[in-house]
Protein backbone atom coordinates (compact mmCIF):
# COMPACT_ATOMS: atom_id res chain seq x y z
CA MET A 1 -0.68 21.54 61.59
CA ALA A 2 2.97 21.57 60.53
CA ASP A 3 5.37 23.84 62.40
CA HIS A 4 5.91 26.15 59.44
CA ASP A 5 2.15 26.39 59.15
CA MET A 6 2.10 27.62 62.76
CA LEU A 7 4.23 30.63 61.82
CA SER A 8 2.08 31.31 58.76
CA THR A 9 -1.07 31.02 60.88
CA ILE A 10 0.31 33.50 63.43
CA LYS A 11 1.21 35.97 60.69
CA GLU A 12 -2.22 35.66 59.07
CA ARG A 13 -4.22 35.76 62.32
CA PHE A 14 -2.49 38.87 63.64
CA ASN A 15 -1.94 40.51 60.24
CA LEU A 16 1.84 40.45 60.57
CA THR A 17 4.28 40.41 57.72
CA GLY A 18 7.49 40.10 59.69
CA ASP A 19 10.82 41.52 58.64
CA ASP A 20 13.63 39.66 56.96
CA PRO A 21 14.84 37.41 59.81
CA GLY A 22 18.40 38.59 59.23
CA GLN A 23 17.32 42.12 60.17
CA TYR A 24 16.25 41.24 63.71
CA SER A 25 18.65 41.87 66.57
CA PRO A 26 20.50 38.77 67.72
CA LEU A 27 18.77 38.96 71.09
CA SER A 28 15.35 39.07 69.39
CA LEU A 29 16.33 35.97 67.44
CA ALA A 30 17.53 34.29 70.64
CA PHE A 31 14.29 35.28 72.41
CA ILE A 32 12.13 33.35 69.94
CA GLY A 33 14.82 30.70 69.42
CA ASP A 34 14.80 29.84 73.12
CA SER A 35 11.08 29.04 72.95
CA ILE A 36 11.30 27.09 69.70
CA TYR A 37 14.32 25.10 70.93
CA GLY A 38 12.45 24.30 74.13
CA ALA A 39 9.28 23.33 72.28
CA VAL A 40 11.17 20.92 70.01
CA VAL A 41 13.04 19.34 72.95
CA LYS A 42 9.84 19.02 74.98
CA SER A 43 8.05 17.52 71.97
CA ILE A 44 10.79 14.90 71.67
CA VAL A 45 10.58 14.09 75.39
CA VAL A 46 6.77 13.79 75.38
CA LEU A 47 6.69 11.72 72.20
CA GLU A 48 9.26 9.30 73.65
CA GLY A 49 6.56 8.15 76.05
CA ASN A 50 3.89 9.35 78.42
CA CYS A 51 5.15 9.80 81.98
CA PRO A 52 4.65 12.19 84.91
CA ALA A 53 5.37 15.87 84.23
CA ASN A 54 8.28 16.03 86.68
CA SER A 55 9.93 13.13 84.81
CA LEU A 56 9.40 14.96 81.53
CA ASP A 57 10.98 18.07 82.99
CA HIS A 58 14.02 16.15 84.24
CA LYS A 59 14.52 14.65 80.80
CA ALA A 60 14.21 18.01 79.01
CA VAL A 61 16.18 20.21 81.37
CA LYS A 62 19.63 18.87 80.48
CA TYR A 63 19.06 19.95 76.88
CA VAL A 64 17.47 23.34 77.48
CA LYS A 65 19.93 24.58 80.11
CA ALA A 66 22.67 26.94 78.94
CA ILE A 67 25.41 24.41 79.71
CA GLY A 68 23.77 21.77 77.49
CA GLN A 69 23.17 24.27 74.71
CA ALA A 70 26.79 25.48 74.94
CA LYS A 71 28.01 21.88 74.62
CA ALA A 72 25.77 21.43 71.58
CA ALA A 73 27.03 24.67 70.01
CA ASP A 74 30.66 23.63 70.56
CA HIS A 75 29.94 20.26 68.93
CA MET A 76 28.23 21.91 65.94
CA ILE A 77 31.17 24.26 65.44
CA GLU A 78 33.86 21.59 65.89
CA ASN A 79 32.07 19.29 63.43
CA GLU A 80 31.22 22.09 60.96
CA ILE A 81 27.50 21.41 61.20
CA PHE A 82 26.51 25.07 60.95
CA THR A 83 26.33 26.56 57.48
CA GLU A 84 28.30 29.73 56.81
CA GLU A 85 25.14 31.84 57.30
CA GLU A 86 24.23 30.02 60.50
CA MET A 87 27.74 30.55 61.82
CA ALA A 88 27.43 34.29 61.18
CA ILE A 89 24.12 34.39 63.09
CA TYR A 90 25.67 32.29 65.87
CA ARG A 91 28.55 34.77 66.25
CA ARG A 92 26.11 37.71 66.36
CA GLY A 93 24.11 35.98 69.07
CA ARG A 94 27.13 34.88 71.07
CA ASN A 95 28.65 38.36 70.97
CA ALA A 96 25.44 40.25 71.81
CA LYS A 97 25.51 42.10 75.11
CA SER A 98 22.59 40.65 77.04
CA PRO A 99 21.17 42.45 80.07
CA THR A 100 20.57 39.04 81.71
CA THR A 101 22.72 36.04 82.53
CA ALA A 102 22.08 32.38 83.22
CA LYS A 103 21.31 31.42 86.81
CA ASN A 104 23.60 28.41 86.93
CA ALA A 105 26.02 28.72 84.04
CA PRO A 106 29.29 30.49 83.34
CA VAL A 107 29.02 33.61 81.18
CA GLY A 108 30.84 31.90 78.31
CA ASP A 109 28.33 29.06 78.23
CA TYR A 110 25.44 31.51 78.45
CA ARG A 111 26.77 33.40 75.44
CA LYS A 112 27.23 30.21 73.41
CA ALA A 113 23.66 29.20 74.30
CA THR A 114 22.44 32.61 73.20
CA GLY A 115 24.26 32.14 69.89
CA LEU A 116 22.62 28.75 69.35
CA GLU A 117 19.19 30.15 70.26
CA ALA A 118 19.73 33.00 67.78
CA VAL A 119 20.38 30.44 65.02
CA ILE A 120 17.25 28.50 65.98
CA GLY A 121 15.16 31.71 66.03
CA TRP A 122 16.54 32.84 62.68
CA LEU A 123 15.77 29.49 61.07
CA TYR A 124 12.27 29.42 62.57
CA LEU A 125 11.46 32.91 61.28
CA LYS A 126 12.73 31.84 57.84
CA GLY A 127 10.30 28.92 57.95
CA GLU A 128 13.09 26.32 58.05
CA MET A 129 11.71 24.03 60.74
CA GLU A 130 13.29 20.94 59.20
CA ARG A 131 16.71 22.49 59.81
CA VAL A 132 15.66 23.53 63.34
CA VAL A 133 14.68 19.93 64.10
CA GLU A 134 17.92 18.68 62.53
CA LEU A 135 20.04 20.95 64.76
CA VAL A 136 18.05 20.18 67.91
CA GLY A 137 18.40 16.50 66.99
CA VAL A 138 22.17 16.91 67.01
CA ALA A 139 21.95 18.57 70.43
CA VAL A 140 19.83 15.87 72.04
CA SER A 141 22.01 13.09 70.61
CA LEU A 142 25.07 14.27 72.58
């Protein structure tokens, strides 16, 4: 099953239509974006080769931590990788007032990570998994 098909299957199975992804709060977008980002990174790590779970976790953690996501977001901004729409979603996510903070990251990095996760969530809900994979690919190549 393709990733976009997963979203369609969820909508059909639970009789959900979903709103326009641009209408969700930035923290709602980041909430789903965090999971999708993590799933793509973990898929990459697993598909690179079978190894013990703790080794998989060590490989994935540097990409899914707020500091790694902040570095990726900075790179995407500096290299103009985000589209204009993605940049607007990123800013909304970065500027959202979250009731939580990262355990081991400065607030600025946490906010950048939230912005990146909002972009990933927005793209996922739009059914644009190819773009999600493209952006996560940029992040894991750093």
